[in-house]
C-alpha atoms as a PDB file:
ATOM      1  CA  MET A   1      20.081 279.554 -49.570  1.00  0.00           C
ATOM      2  CA  ILE A   2      21.579 282.810 -48.404  1.00  0.00           C
ATOM      3  CA  SER A   3      21.806 285.559 -51.024  1.00  0.00           C
ATOM      4  CA  LYS A   4      25.060 287.182 -52.028  1.00  0.00           C
ATOM      5  CA  LEU A   5      24.043 290.415 -50.289  1.00  0.00           C
ATOM      6  CA  ALA A   6      23.060 288.606 -47.079  1.00  0.00           C
ATOM      7  CA  ALA A   7      26.318 286.613 -47.049  1.00  0.00           C
ATOM      8  CA  THR A   8      28.323 289.803 -47.475  1.00  0.00           C
ATOM      9  CA  GLY A   9      26.333 291.436 -44.677  1.00  0.00           C
ATOM     10  CA  ILE A  10      26.948 288.530 -42.300  1.00  0.00           C
ATOM     11  CA  LEU A  11      30.674 288.619 -43.035  1.00  0.00           C
ATOM     12  CA  ILE A  12      30.761 292.364 -42.370  1.00  0.00           C
ATOM     13  CA  LEU A  13      28.858 291.905 -39.089  1.00  0.00           C
ATOM     14  CA  CYS A  14      31.474 289.339 -38.075  1.00  0.00           C
ATOM     15  CA  ASP A  15      34.192 291.899 -38.942  1.00  0.00           C
ATOM     16  CA  LEU A  16      35.429 289.898 -41.937  1.00  0.00           C
ATOM     17  CA  ARG A  17      36.062 291.747 -45.177  1.00  0.00           C
ATOM     18  CA  ALA A  18      37.611 290.872 -48.527  1.00  0.00           C
ATOM     19  CA  PRO A  19      40.227 289.630 -49.087  1.00  0.00           C
ATOM     20  CA  PHE A  20      38.881 286.974 -46.757  1.00  0.00           C
ATOM     21  CA  PRO A  21      41.461 285.490 -44.401  1.00  0.00           C
ATOM     22  CA  ASP A  22      42.003 281.780 -43.934  1.00  0.00           C
ATOM     23  CA  PHE A  23      39.612 280.385 -41.316  1.00  0.00           C
ATOM     24  CA  HIS A  24      42.468 279.046 -39.190  1.00  0.00           C
ATOM     25  CA  THR A  25      43.874 282.563 -38.711  1.00  0.00           C
ATOM     26  CA  LEU A  26      40.644 283.980 -37.240  1.00  0.00           C
ATOM     27  CA  ASP A  27      40.550 284.956 -33.586  1.00  0.00           C
ATOM     28  CA  SER A  28      38.075 283.366 -31.186  1.00  0.00           C
ATOM     29  CA  GLN A  29      35.683 286.355 -31.153  1.00  0.00           C
ATOM     30  CA  LYS A  30      35.186 286.146 -34.918  1.00  0.00           C
ATOM     31  CA  VAL A  31      34.662 282.396 -34.776  1.00  0.00           C
ATOM     32  CA  ALA A  32      32.105 282.867 -31.977  1.00  0.00           C
ATOM     33  CA  ALA A  33      30.301 285.475 -34.098  1.00  0.00           C
ATOM     34  CA  LEU A  34      30.206 283.015 -37.001  1.00  0.00           C
ATOM     35  CA  VAL A  35      28.743 280.312 -34.744  1.00  0.00           C
ATOM     36  CA  ASP A  36      26.068 282.735 -33.514  1.00  0.00           C
ATOM     37  CA  ARG A  37      25.116 283.668 -37.079  1.00  0.00           C
ATOM     38  CA  ALA A  38      25.081 280.013 -38.144  1.00  0.00           C
ATOM     39  CA  HIS A  39      22.693 279.318 -35.287  1.00  0.00           C
ATOM     40  CA  LEU A  40      20.431 282.235 -36.279  1.00  0.00           C
ATOM     41  CA  HIS A  41      20.269 280.999 -39.877  1.00  0.00           C
ATOM     42  CA  ARG A  42      19.832 277.373 -38.749  1.00  0.00           C
ATOM     43  CA  TYR A  43      22.869 276.332 -40.742  1.00  0.00           C
ATOM     44  CA  ARG A  44      23.820 272.691 -40.405  1.00  0.00           C
ATOM     45  CA  LYS A  45      27.131 271.342 -41.571  1.00  0.00           C
ATOM     46  CA  PRO A  46      27.134 268.404 -43.985  1.00  0.00           C
ATOM     47  CA  LYS A  47      26.815 264.941 -42.436  1.00  0.00           C
ATOM     48  CA  ASN A  48      30.209 263.887 -43.812  1.00  0.00           C
ATOM     49  CA  ALA A  49      31.970 267.082 -42.677  1.00  0.00           C
ATOM     50  CA  ASN A  50      35.573 266.932 -41.535  1.00  0.00           C
ATOM     51  CA  GLY A  51      35.557 270.176 -39.595  1.00  0.00           C
ATOM     52  CA  SER A  52      33.604 272.522 -37.402  1.00  0.00           C
ATOM     53  CA  ARG A  53      30.249 274.083 -38.121  1.00  0.00           C
ATOM     54  CA  ALA A  54      31.887 277.527 -38.013  1.00  0.00           C
ATOM     55  CA  ARG A  55      34.468 276.547 -40.633  1.00  0.00           C
ATOM     56  CA  TYR A  56      31.841 275.197 -43.016  1.00  0.00           C
ATOM     57  CA  PHE A  57      29.558 278.203 -42.493  1.00  0.00           C
ATOM     58  CA  TYR A  58      32.456 280.591 -43.130  1.00  0.00           C
ATOM     59  CA  SER A  59      33.378 278.725 -46.306  1.00  0.00           C
ATOM     60  CA  TYR A  60      29.741 278.844 -47.445  1.00  0.00           C
ATOM     61  CA  LEU A  61      29.494 282.591 -46.795  1.00  0.00           C
ATOM     62  CA  VAL A  62      32.724 283.343 -48.657  1.00  0.00           C
ATOM     63  CA  ARG A  63      31.595 281.263 -51.654  1.00  0.00           C
ATOM     64  CA  ARG A  64      28.241 283.083 -51.726  1.00  0.00           C
ATOM     65  CA  ALA A  65      29.837 286.526 -51.263  1.00  0.00           C
ATOM     66  CA  GLU A  66      32.281 285.909 -54.108  1.00  0.00           C
ATOM     67  CA  SER A  67      29.726 284.317 -56.446  1.00  0.00           C
ATOM     68  CA  ALA A  68      28.613 285.965 -59.647  1.00  0.00           C
ATOM     69  CA  ASN A  69      24.933 285.311 -58.890  1.00  0.00           C
ATOM     70  CA  VAL A  70      22.904 287.832 -56.920  1.00  0.00           C
END
């Protein structure tokens, strides 16, 4: 599991800051950066996923960054 601080750091490295935009409005460079980070962290999307690995990783990072837990 990625910590709240690490998730925030990854989002900043991908040039994504709060308030977080909808995934479908991101440009291709930001999506490519998310895919690269997902690969580095060996993130795998759920088996029953109805979307891209980048979209699921972005959603995961936003949930972790906005969580109350450290």
